[in-house]
């Protein structure tokens, strides 16, 4: 069984009415009171509303949760530079 990953989803408005979903992954830390996340995937194209971007991001996050998620051919996200 693959290890569980600590993932989160957020939406960024990069320009006026240009909303991008971003999938984040927690980075290892000794700090008990805070969790720090790095972006690992983001939308290739913007949505015109926050809610649309959130729905699209949740859909992509669900694909990553599939048993074959990280190699899922239908996933449509761009890797983010670390």
PDB file of N, CA and C in Angstrom:
ATOM      1  N   UNK A   1       0.848  -1.183   0.000  1.00  0.00           N
ATOM      2  CA  UNK A   1       0.000   0.000   0.000  1.00  0.00           C
ATOM      3  C   UNK A   1       0.893   1.246   0.000  1.00  0.00           C
ATOM      4  N   UNK A   2       0.624   2.197  -0.901  1.00  0.00           N
ATOM      5  CA  UNK A   2       1.437   3.413  -0.942  1.00  0.00           C
ATOM      6  C   UNK A   2       1.228   4.264   0.311  1.00  0.00           C
ATOM      7  N   UNK A   3       2.253   5.028   0.637  1.00  0.00           N
ATOM      8  CA  UNK A   3       2.178   5.924   1.798  1.00  0.00           C
ATOM      9  C   UNK A   3       1.157   7.033   1.547  1.00  0.00           C
ATOM     10  N   UNK A   4       0.485   7.450   2.619  1.00  0.00           N
ATOM     11  CA  UNK A   4      -0.459   8.561   2.507  1.00  0.00           C
ATOM     12  C   UNK A   4       0.304   9.862   2.361  1.00  0.00           C
ATOM     13  N   UNK A   5      -0.241  10.771   1.583  1.00  0.00           N
ATOM     14  CA  UNK A   5       0.379  12.081   1.389  1.00  0.00           C
ATOM     15  C   UNK A   5      -0.536  13.139   1.992  1.00  0.00           C
ATOM     16  N   UNK A   6       0.050  14.111   2.655  1.00  0.00           N
ATOM     17  CA  UNK A   6      -0.704  15.199   3.276  1.00  0.00           C
ATOM     18  C   UNK A   6      -0.890  16.283   2.220  1.00  0.00           C
ATOM     19  N   UNK A   7      -2.068  16.309   1.583  1.00  0.00           N
ATOM     20  CA  UNK A   7      -2.356  17.234   0.487  1.00  0.00           C
ATOM     21  C   UNK A   7      -3.413  18.244   0.891  1.00  0.00           C
ATOM     22  N   UNK A   8      -3.405  19.384   0.219  1.00  0.00           N
ATOM     23  CA  UNK A   8      -4.398  20.435   0.428  1.00  0.00           C
ATOM     24  C   UNK A   8      -4.684  21.080  -0.928  1.00  0.00           C
ATOM     25  N   UNK A   9      -5.795  21.796  -0.990  1.00  0.00           N
ATOM     26  CA  UNK A   9      -6.203  22.486  -2.213  1.00  0.00           C
ATOM     27  C   UNK A   9      -6.476  23.943  -1.882  1.00  0.00           C
ATOM     28  N   UNK A  10      -6.005  24.822  -2.731  1.00  0.00           N
ATOM     29  CA  UNK A  10      -6.306  26.243  -2.572  1.00  0.00           C
ATOM     30  C   UNK A  10      -6.574  26.837  -3.950  1.00  0.00           C
ATOM     31  N   UNK A  11      -7.084  28.063  -3.960  1.00  0.00           N
ATOM     32  CA  UNK A  11      -7.339  28.794  -5.200  1.00  0.00           C
ATOM     33  C   UNK A  11      -6.641  30.142  -5.101  1.00  0.00           C
ATOM     34  N   UNK A  12      -5.912  30.502  -6.158  1.00  0.00           N
ATOM     35  CA  UNK A  12      -5.218  31.791  -6.211  1.00  0.00           C
ATOM     36  C   UNK A  12      -5.838  32.657  -7.302  1.00  0.00           C
ATOM     37  N   UNK A  13      -6.074  33.929  -6.985  1.00  0.00           N
ATOM     38  CA  UNK A  13      -6.489  34.897  -8.016  1.00  0.00           C
ATOM     39  C   UNK A  13      -5.230  35.646  -8.427  1.00  0.00           C
ATOM     40  N   UNK A  14      -4.663  35.275  -9.563  1.00  0.00           N
ATOM     41  CA  UNK A  14      -3.383  35.838 -10.000  1.00  0.00           C
ATOM     42  C   UNK A  14      -3.542  37.168 -10.711  1.00  0.00           C
ATOM     43  N   UNK A  15      -4.626  37.356 -11.397  1.00  0.00           N
ATOM     44  CA  UNK A  15      -5.025  38.628 -12.009  1.00  0.00           C
ATOM     45  C   UNK A  15      -6.525  38.744 -11.789  1.00  0.00           C
ATOM     46  N   UNK A  16      -7.083  39.895 -12.097  1.00  0.00           N
ATOM     47  CA  UNK A  16      -8.515  40.094 -11.908  1.00  0.00           C
ATOM     48  C   UNK A  16      -9.306  39.027 -12.672  1.00  0.00           C
ATOM     49  N   UNK A  17     -10.119  38.255 -11.938  1.00  0.00           N
ATOM     50  CA  UNK A  17     -10.962  37.191 -12.502  1.00  0.00           C
ATOM     51  C   UNK A  17     -10.162  36.107 -13.216  1.00  0.00           C
ATOM     52  N   UNK A  18      -8.959  35.848 -12.741  1.00  0.00           N
ATOM     53  CA  UNK A  18      -8.107  34.777 -13.266  1.00  0.00           C
ATOM     54  C   UNK A  18      -7.759  33.857 -12.098  1.00  0.00           C
ATOM     55  N   UNK A  19      -8.577  32.829 -11.873  1.00  0.00           N
ATOM     56  CA  UNK A  19      -8.449  31.952 -10.708  1.00  0.00           C
ATOM     57  C   UNK A  19      -7.816  30.623 -11.111  1.00  0.00           C
ATOM     58  N   UNK A  20      -6.793  30.213 -10.361  1.00  0.00           N
ATOM     59  CA  UNK A  20      -6.080  28.969 -10.602  1.00  0.00           C
ATOM     60  C   UNK A  20      -6.172  28.084  -9.364  1.00  0.00           C
ATOM     61  N   UNK A  21      -6.529  26.818  -9.536  1.00  0.00           N
ATOM     62  CA  UNK A  21      -6.456  25.883  -8.423  1.00  0.00           C
ATOM     63  C   UNK A  21      -4.996  25.478  -8.245  1.00  0.00           C
ATOM     64  N   UNK A  22      -4.614  25.190  -7.010  1.00  0.00           N
ATOM     65  CA  UNK A  22      -3.250  24.752  -6.691  1.00  0.00           C
ATOM     66  C   UNK A  22      -3.349  23.615  -5.676  1.00  0.00           C
ATOM     67  N   UNK A  23      -2.711  22.495  -5.986  1.00  0.00           N
ATOM     68  CA  UNK A  23      -2.625  21.377  -5.046  1.00  0.00           C
ATOM     69  C   UNK A  23      -1.303  21.504  -4.307  1.00  0.00           C
ATOM     70  N   UNK A  24      -1.403  21.425  -2.980  1.00  0.00           N
ATOM     71  CA  UNK A  24      -0.253  21.603  -2.099  1.00  0.00           C
ATOM     72  C   UNK A  24       0.061  20.291  -1.385  1.00  0.00           C
ATOM     73  N   UNK A  25       1.330  20.125  -1.012  1.00  0.00           N
ATOM     74  CA  UNK A  25       1.734  18.975  -0.208  1.00  0.00           C
ATOM     75  C   UNK A  25       2.525  19.478   0.986  1.00  0.00           C
ATOM     76  N   UNK A  26       2.221  18.920   2.172  1.00  0.00           N
ATOM     77  CA  UNK A  26       2.923  19.325   3.397  1.00  0.00           C
ATOM     78  C   UNK A  26       4.387  18.896   3.301  1.00  0.00           C
ATOM     79  N   UNK A  27       5.260  19.767   3.777  1.00  0.00           N
ATOM     80  CA  UNK A  27       6.682  19.414   3.816  1.00  0.00           C
ATOM     81  C   UNK A  27       7.025  18.943   5.229  1.00  0.00           C
ATOM     82  N   UNK A  28       7.953  18.021   5.338  1.00  0.00           N
ATOM     83  CA  UNK A  28       8.327  17.521   6.668  1.00  0.00           C
ATOM     84  C   UNK A  28       8.846  18.655   7.546  1.00  0.00           C
ATOM     85  N   UNK A  29       8.450  18.615   8.814  1.00  0.00           N
ATOM     86  CA  UNK A  29       8.848  19.676   9.741  1.00  0.00           C
ATOM     87  C   UNK A  29       8.801  19.146  11.168  1.00  0.00           C
ATOM     88  N   UNK A  30       9.644  19.709  12.021  1.00  0.00           N
ATOM     89  CA  UNK A  30       9.629  19.366  13.440  1.00  0.00           C
ATOM     90  C   UNK A  30       8.661  20.260  14.217  1.00  0.00           C
ATOM     91  N   UNK A  31       8.148  21.303  13.577  1.00  0.00           N
ATOM     92  CA  UNK A  31       7.251  22.240  14.248  1.00  0.00           C
ATOM     93  C   UNK A  31       5.884  21.593  14.445  1.00  0.00           C
ATOM     94  N   UNK A  32       5.459  21.481  15.685  1.00  0.00           N
ATOM     95  CA  UNK A  32       4.173  20.846  15.986  1.00  0.00           C
ATOM     96  C   UNK A  32       2.998  21.802  15.800  1.00  0.00           C
ATOM     97  N   UNK A  33       3.246  23.100  15.868  1.00  0.00           N
ATOM     98  CA  UNK A  33       2.152  24.063  15.841  1.00  0.00           C
ATOM     99  C   UNK A  33       1.841  24.631  14.456  1.00  0.00           C
ATOM    100  N   UNK A  34       2.617  24.239  13.444  1.00  0.00           N
ATOM    101  CA  UNK A  34       2.380  24.784  12.106  1.00  0.00           C
ATOM    102  C   UNK A  34       2.678  23.723  11.053  1.00  0.00           C
ATOM    103  N   UNK A  35       1.924  23.771   9.971  1.00  0.00           N
ATOM    104  CA  UNK A  35       2.180  22.903   8.825  1.00  0.00           C
ATOM    105  C   UNK A  35       2.549  23.820   7.658  1.00  0.00           C
ATOM    106  N   UNK A  36       3.634  23.499   6.992  1.00  0.00           N
ATOM    107  CA  UNK A  36       4.073  24.278   5.833  1.00  0.00           C
ATOM    108  C   UNK A  36       3.851  23.459   4.570  1.00  0.00           C
ATOM    109  N   UNK A  37       3.278  24.106   3.571  1.00  0.00           N
ATOM    110  CA  UNK A  37       2.939  23.432   2.327  1.00  0.00           C
ATOM    111  C   UNK A  37       3.705  24.036   1.158  1.00  0.00           C
ATOM    112  N   UNK A  38       4.004  23.185   0.178  1.00  0.00           N
ATOM    113  CA  UNK A  38       4.579  23.608  -1.095  1.00  0.00           C
ATOM    114  C   UNK A  38       3.614  23.228  -2.205  1.00  0.00           C
ATOM    115  N   UNK A  39       3.480  24.079  -3.209  1.00  0.00           N
ATOM    116  CA  UNK A  39       2.650  23.752  -4.360  1.00  0.00           C
ATOM    117  C   UNK A  39       3.300  22.646  -5.166  1.00  0.00           C
ATOM    118  N   UNK A  40       2.512  21.647  -5.570  1.00  0.00           N
ATOM    119  CA  UNK A  40       3.055  20.567  -6.399  1.00  0.00           C
ATOM    120  C   UNK A  40       2.408  20.516  -7.786  1.00  0.00           C
ATOM    121  N   UNK A  41       1.147  20.946  -7.902  1.00  0.00           N
ATOM    122  CA  UNK A  41       0.466  21.012  -9.197  1.00  0.00           C
ATOM    123  C   UNK A  41      -0.428  22.240  -9.218  1.00  0.00           C
ATOM    124  N   UNK A  42      -0.599  22.819 -10.412  1.00  0.00           N
ATOM    125  CA  UNK A  42      -1.526  23.945 -10.550  1.00  0.00           C
ATOM    126  C   UNK A  42      -2.242  23.842 -11.891  1.00  0.00           C
ATOM    127  N   UNK A  43      -3.318  24.586 -12.000  1.00  0.00           N
ATOM    128  CA  UNK A  43      -4.112  24.600 -13.229  1.00  0.00           C
ATOM    129  C   UNK A  43      -3.291  25.170 -14.379  1.00  0.00           C
ATOM    130  N   UNK A  44      -3.482  24.600 -15.549  1.00  0.00           N
ATOM    131  CA  UNK A  44      -2.818  25.109 -16.744  1.00  0.00           C
ATOM    132  C   UNK A  44      -3.516  26.362 -17.260  1.00  0.00           C
ATOM    133  N   UNK A  45      -4.835  26.426 -17.041  1.00  0.00           N
ATOM    134  CA  UNK A  45      -5.630  27.551 -17.536  1.00  0.00           C
ATOM    135  C   UNK A  45      -6.480  28.118 -16.409  1.00  0.00           C
ATOM    136  N   UNK A  46      -6.686  29.437 -16.404  1.00  0.00           N
ATOM    137  CA  UNK A  46      -7.488  30.040 -15.341  1.00  0.00           C
ATOM    138  C   UNK A  46      -8.974  29.814 -15.540  1.00  0.00           C
ATOM    139  N   UNK A  47      -9.697  29.923 -14.427  1.00  0.00           N
ATOM    140  CA  UNK A  47     -11.153  29.942 -14.436  1.00  0.00           C
ATOM    141  C   UNK A  47     -11.589  31.385 -14.157  1.00  0.00           C
ATOM    142  N   UNK A  48     -12.812  31.731 -14.522  1.00  0.00           N
ATOM    143  CA  UNK A  48     -13.275  33.110 -14.332  1.00  0.00           C
ATOM    144  C   UNK A  48     -13.913  33.341 -12.970  1.00  0.00           C
ATOM    145  N   UNK A  49     -14.074  32.265 -12.165  1.00  0.00           N
ATOM    146  CA  UNK A  49     -14.612  32.446 -10.825  1.00  0.00           C
ATOM    147  C   UNK A  49     -13.870  31.545  -9.843  1.00  0.00           C
ATOM    148  N   UNK A  50     -13.871  31.963  -8.592  1.00  0.00           N
ATOM    149  CA  UNK A  50     -13.252  31.191  -7.521  1.00  0.00           C
ATOM    150  C   UNK A  50     -13.915  29.821  -7.415  1.00  0.00           C
ATOM    151  N   UNK A  51     -15.245  29.800  -7.439  1.00  0.00           N
ATOM    152  CA  UNK A  51     -15.965  28.537  -7.256  1.00  0.00           C
ATOM    153  C   UNK A  51     -15.673  27.543  -8.381  1.00  0.00           C
ATOM    154  N   UNK A  52     -15.562  28.009  -9.604  1.00  0.00           N
ATOM    155  CA  UNK A  52     -15.226  27.101 -10.710  1.00  0.00           C
ATOM    156  C   UNK A  52     -13.828  26.524 -10.526  1.00  0.00           C
ATOM    157  N   UNK A  53     -12.882  27.355 -10.130  1.00  0.00           N
ATOM    158  CA  UNK A  53     -11.515  26.879  -9.915  1.00  0.00           C
ATOM    159  C   UNK A  53     -11.479  25.873  -8.773  1.00  0.00           C
ATOM    160  N   UNK A  54     -12.247  26.112  -7.724  1.00  0.00           N
ATOM    161  CA  UNK A  54     -12.289  25.198  -6.584  1.00  0.00           C
ATOM    162  C   UNK A  54     -12.850  23.838  -7.002  1.00  0.00           C
ATOM    163  N   UNK A  55     -13.922  23.838  -7.790  1.00  0.00           N
ATOM    164  CA  UNK A  55     -14.522  22.591  -8.266  1.00  0.00           C
ATOM    165  C   UNK A  55     -13.540  21.842  -9.169  1.00  0.00           C
ATOM    166  N   UNK A  56     -12.894  22.545 -10.072  1.00  0.00           N
ATOM    167  CA  UNK A  56     -11.920  21.910 -10.972  1.00  0.00           C
ATOM    168  C   UNK A  56     -10.753  21.330 -10.182  1.00  0.00           C
ATOM    169  N   UNK A  57     -10.277  22.068  -9.194  1.00  0.00           N
ATOM    170  CA  UNK A  57      -9.175  21.586  -8.362  1.00  0.00           C
ATOM    171  C   UNK A  57      -9.570  20.375  -7.542  1.00  0.00           C
ATOM    172  N   UNK A  58     -10.784  20.377  -6.998  1.00  0.00           N
ATOM    173  CA  UNK A  58     -11.264  19.229  -6.226  1.00  0.00           C
ATOM    174  C   UNK A  58     -11.362  17.997  -7.120  1.00  0.00           C
ATOM    175  N   UNK A  59     -11.776  18.192  -8.355  1.00  0.00           N
ATOM    176  CA  UNK A  59     -11.850  17.090  -9.313  1.00  0.00           C
ATOM    177  C   UNK A  59     -10.461  16.498  -9.565  1.00  0.00           C
ATOM    178  N   UNK A  60      -9.474  17.355  -9.741  1.00  0.00           N
ATOM    179  CA  UNK A  60      -8.105  16.884  -9.968  1.00  0.00           C
ATOM    180  C   UNK A  60      -7.541  16.210  -8.716  1.00  0.00           C
ATOM    181  N   UNK A  61      -7.860  16.746  -7.548  1.00  0.00           N
ATOM    182  CA  UNK A  61      -7.400  16.153  -6.293  1.00  0.00           C
ATOM    183  C   UNK A  61      -7.983  14.746  -6.129  1.00  0.00           C
ATOM    184  N   UNK A  62      -9.247  14.559  -6.508  1.00  0.00           N
ATOM    185  CA  UNK A  62      -9.861  13.234  -6.452  1.00  0.00           C
ATOM    186  C   UNK A  62      -9.135  12.251  -7.361  1.00  0.00           C
ATOM    187  N   UNK A  63      -8.707  12.715  -8.527  1.00  0.00           N
ATOM    188  CA  UNK A  63      -7.960  11.851  -9.438  1.00  0.00           C
ATOM    189  C   UNK A  63      -6.654  11.388  -8.804  1.00  0.00           C
ATOM    190  N   UNK A  64      -6.027  12.264  -8.052  1.00  0.00           N
ATOM    191  CA  UNK A  64      -4.783  11.886  -7.379  1.00  0.00           C
ATOM    192  C   UNK A  64      -5.032  10.873  -6.274  1.00  0.00           C
ATOM    193  N   UNK A  65      -6.236  10.834  -5.739  1.00  0.00           N
ATOM    194  CA  UNK A  65      -6.573   9.904  -4.665  1.00  0.00           C
ATOM    195  C   UNK A  65      -6.908   8.514  -5.199  1.00  0.00           C
ATOM    196  N   UNK A  66      -7.087   8.388  -6.503  1.00  0.00           N
ATOM    197  CA  UNK A  66      -7.337   7.074  -7.093  1.00  0.00           C
ATOM    198  C   UNK A  66      -6.145   6.164  -6.843  1.00  0.00           C
ATOM    199  N   UNK A  67      -6.361   4.847  -6.829  1.00  0.00           N
ATOM    200  CA  UNK A  67      -5.247   3.920  -6.603  1.00  0.00           C
ATOM    201  C   UNK A  67      -4.087   4.127  -7.577  1.00  0.00           C
ATOM    202  N   UNK A  68      -4.378   4.490  -8.806  1.00  0.00           N
ATOM    203  CA  UNK A  68      -3.323   4.738  -9.794  1.00  0.00           C
ATOM    204  C   UNK A  68      -3.098   6.235  -9.990  1.00  0.00           C
ATOM    205  N   UNK A  69      -3.481   7.032  -8.997  1.00  0.00           N
ATOM    206  CA  UNK A  69      -3.537   8.479  -9.101  1.00  0.00           C
ATOM    207  C   UNK A  69      -2.336   9.188  -9.662  1.00  0.00           C
ATOM    208  N   UNK A  70      -1.149   8.940  -9.137  1.00  0.00           N
ATOM    209  CA  UNK A  70       0.009   9.741  -9.552  1.00  0.00           C
ATOM    210  C   UNK A  70       0.416   9.462 -10.981  1.00  0.00           C
ATOM    211  N   UNK A  71      -0.066   8.363 -11.545  1.00  0.00           N
ATOM    212  CA  UNK A  71       0.235   8.074 -12.941  1.00  0.00           C
ATOM    213  C   UNK A  71      -1.031   8.177 -13.790  1.00  0.00           C
ATOM    214  N   UNK A  72      -2.094   8.710 -13.215  1.00  0.00           N
ATOM    215  CA  UNK A  72      -3.401   8.751 -13.881  1.00  0.00           C
ATOM    216  C   UNK A  72      -3.313   9.578 -15.164  1.00  0.00           C
ATOM    217  N   UNK A  73      -3.687   8.968 -16.281  1.00  0.00           N
ATOM    218  CA  UNK A  73      -3.553   9.635 -17.574  1.00  0.00           C
ATOM    219  C   UNK A  73      -4.526  10.792 -17.750  1.00  0.00           C
ATOM    220  N   UNK A  74      -5.627  10.823 -16.988  1.00  0.00           N
ATOM    221  CA  UNK A  74      -6.622  11.891 -17.141  1.00  0.00           C
ATOM    222  C   UNK A  74      -6.310  13.105 -16.274  1.00  0.00           C
ATOM    223  N   UNK A  75      -5.289  13.032 -15.424  1.00  0.00           N
ATOM    224  CA  UNK A  75      -4.941  14.174 -14.570  1.00  0.00           C
ATOM    225  C   UNK A  75      -4.470  15.320 -15.438  1.00  0.00           C
ATOM    226  N   UNK A  76      -4.984  16.538 -15.151  1.00  0.00           N
ATOM    227  CA  UNK A  76      -4.625  17.699 -15.966  1.00  0.00           C
ATOM    228  C   UNK A  76      -4.111  18.832 -15.093  1.00  0.00           C
ATOM    229  N   UNK A  77      -2.910  18.684 -14.615  1.00  0.00           N
ATOM    230  CA  UNK A  77      -2.280  19.715 -13.828  1.00  0.00           C
ATOM    231  C   UNK A  77      -0.851  19.916 -14.270  1.00  0.00           C
ATOM    232  N   UNK A  78      -0.312  21.069 -13.998  1.00  0.00           N
ATOM    233  CA  UNK A  78       1.076  21.350 -14.330  1.00  0.00           C
ATOM    234  C   UNK A  78       1.929  21.227 -13.081  1.00  0.00           C
ATOM    235  N   UNK A  79       3.044  20.501 -13.169  1.00  0.00           N
ATOM    236  CA  UNK A  79       3.938  20.434 -12.015  1.00  0.00           C
ATOM    237  C   UNK A  79       4.481  21.830 -11.699  1.00  0.00           C
ATOM    238  N   UNK A  80       4.615  22.127 -10.422  1.00  0.00           N
ATOM    239  CA  UNK A  80       5.154  23.419 -10.014  1.00  0.00           C
ATOM    240  C   UNK A  80       6.623  23.239  -9.644  1.00  0.00           C
ATOM    241  N   UNK A  81       7.424  24.237  -9.944  1.00  0.00           N
ATOM    242  CA  UNK A  81       8.840  24.197  -9.559  1.00  0.00           C
ATOM    243  C   UNK A  81       8.959  24.260  -8.053  1.00  0.00           C
ATOM    244  N   UNK A  82       9.893  23.514  -7.518  1.00  0.00           N
ATOM    245  CA  UNK A  82      10.102  23.528  -6.061  1.00  0.00           C
ATOM    246  C   UNK A  82      11.321  24.330  -5.721  1.00  0.00           C
TER     247      UNK A  82
END
